[in-house]
Amino acid sequence: MSRNLIEEISSNKDKRIKTLHLTKDGNDLNNQINAEQTEKIESIFENVDNDWEQAMKELADEYVKGFKS
């Protein structure tokens, strides 16, 4: 199922070479994901009073919890 998030472009010099680029929809989705991740990380740092070690522990716990779901 194509969601039109990436496009494949062949090289003009060598047709065996292809590069992948985000489409507008792909770029929009990427920006949305980045914004959500930034918000989550900032929230964690706020909850632990910007304690780097504690923030990393919280992030690791969230990551592991995602595998158990």
Protein backbone atom coordinates (compact mmCIF):
# COMPACT_ATOMS: atom_id res chain seq x y z
CA MET A 1 0.00 0.00 0.00
CA SER A 2 1.57 3.23 -1.10
CA ARG A 3 1.26 6.24 1.16
CA ASN A 4 3.34 8.48 -1.13
CA LEU A 5 5.80 9.32 1.63
CA ILE A 6 8.97 8.75 -0.40
CA GLU A 7 9.95 8.95 -4.03
CA GLU A 8 12.70 7.09 -5.83
CA ILE A 9 14.88 9.07 -8.23
CA SER A 10 17.27 7.41 -10.66
CA SER A 11 20.70 8.87 -11.26
CA ASN A 12 21.29 10.52 -14.62
CA LYS A 13 24.82 9.05 -14.68
CA ASP A 14 24.05 5.47 -13.67
CA LYS A 15 20.52 4.07 -13.77
CA ARG A 16 21.48 1.44 -11.18
CA ILE A 17 21.83 4.22 -8.63
CA LYS A 18 18.63 5.35 -7.01
CA THR A 19 18.10 7.84 -4.20
CA LEU A 20 15.10 8.13 -1.95
CA HIS A 21 13.59 11.49 -1.06
CA LEU A 22 10.69 12.45 1.17
CA THR A 23 7.64 13.75 -0.64
CA LYS A 24 5.69 16.70 0.79
CA ASP A 25 3.48 14.22 2.68
CA GLY A 26 6.58 12.36 3.91
CA ASN A 27 8.19 15.58 5.04
CA ASP A 28 4.99 16.65 6.82
CA LEU A 29 4.82 13.30 8.64
CA ASN A 30 8.51 13.52 9.57
CA ASN A 31 8.00 17.02 10.98
CA GLN A 32 4.97 15.83 12.99
CA ILE A 33 6.92 12.90 14.44
CA ASN A 34 9.87 15.15 15.32
CA ALA A 35 7.57 17.64 17.06
CA GLU A 36 5.92 14.86 19.09
CA GLN A 37 9.31 13.43 20.10
CA THR A 38 10.59 16.87 21.11
CA GLU A 39 7.48 17.48 23.20
CA LYS A 40 7.86 14.10 24.92
CA ILE A 41 11.56 14.65 25.68
CA GLU A 42 10.97 18.17 26.99
CA SER A 43 8.18 16.86 29.22
CA ILE A 44 10.43 14.17 30.67
CA PHE A 45 13.19 16.69 31.40
CA GLU A 46 10.68 19.00 33.10
CA ASN A 47 9.40 16.12 35.25
CA VAL A 48 12.91 15.32 36.50
CA ASP A 49 14.06 18.94 36.97
CA ASN A 50 16.47 18.66 34.01
CA ASP A 51 18.43 15.82 35.65
CA TRP A 52 20.17 14.25 32.64
CA GLU A 53 20.70 10.81 34.20
CA GLN A 54 17.13 10.55 35.46
CA ALA A 55 15.77 11.74 32.10
CA MET A 56 17.74 9.02 30.29
CA LYS A 57 16.38 6.41 32.71
CA GLU A 58 12.82 7.64 32.05
CA LEU A 59 13.38 7.55 28.29
CA ALA A 60 14.82 4.03 28.51
CA ASP A 61 11.84 2.89 30.60
CA GLU A 62 9.42 4.33 28.02
CA TYR A 63 11.34 2.59 25.23
CA VAL A 64 11.28 -0.80 26.99
CA LYS A 65 7.61 -0.37 27.91
CA GLY A 66 6.85 0.03 24.20
CA PHE A 67 8.25 -3.44 23.51
CA LYS A 68 6.12 -5.00 26.23
CA SER A 69 2.85 -3.53 24.99
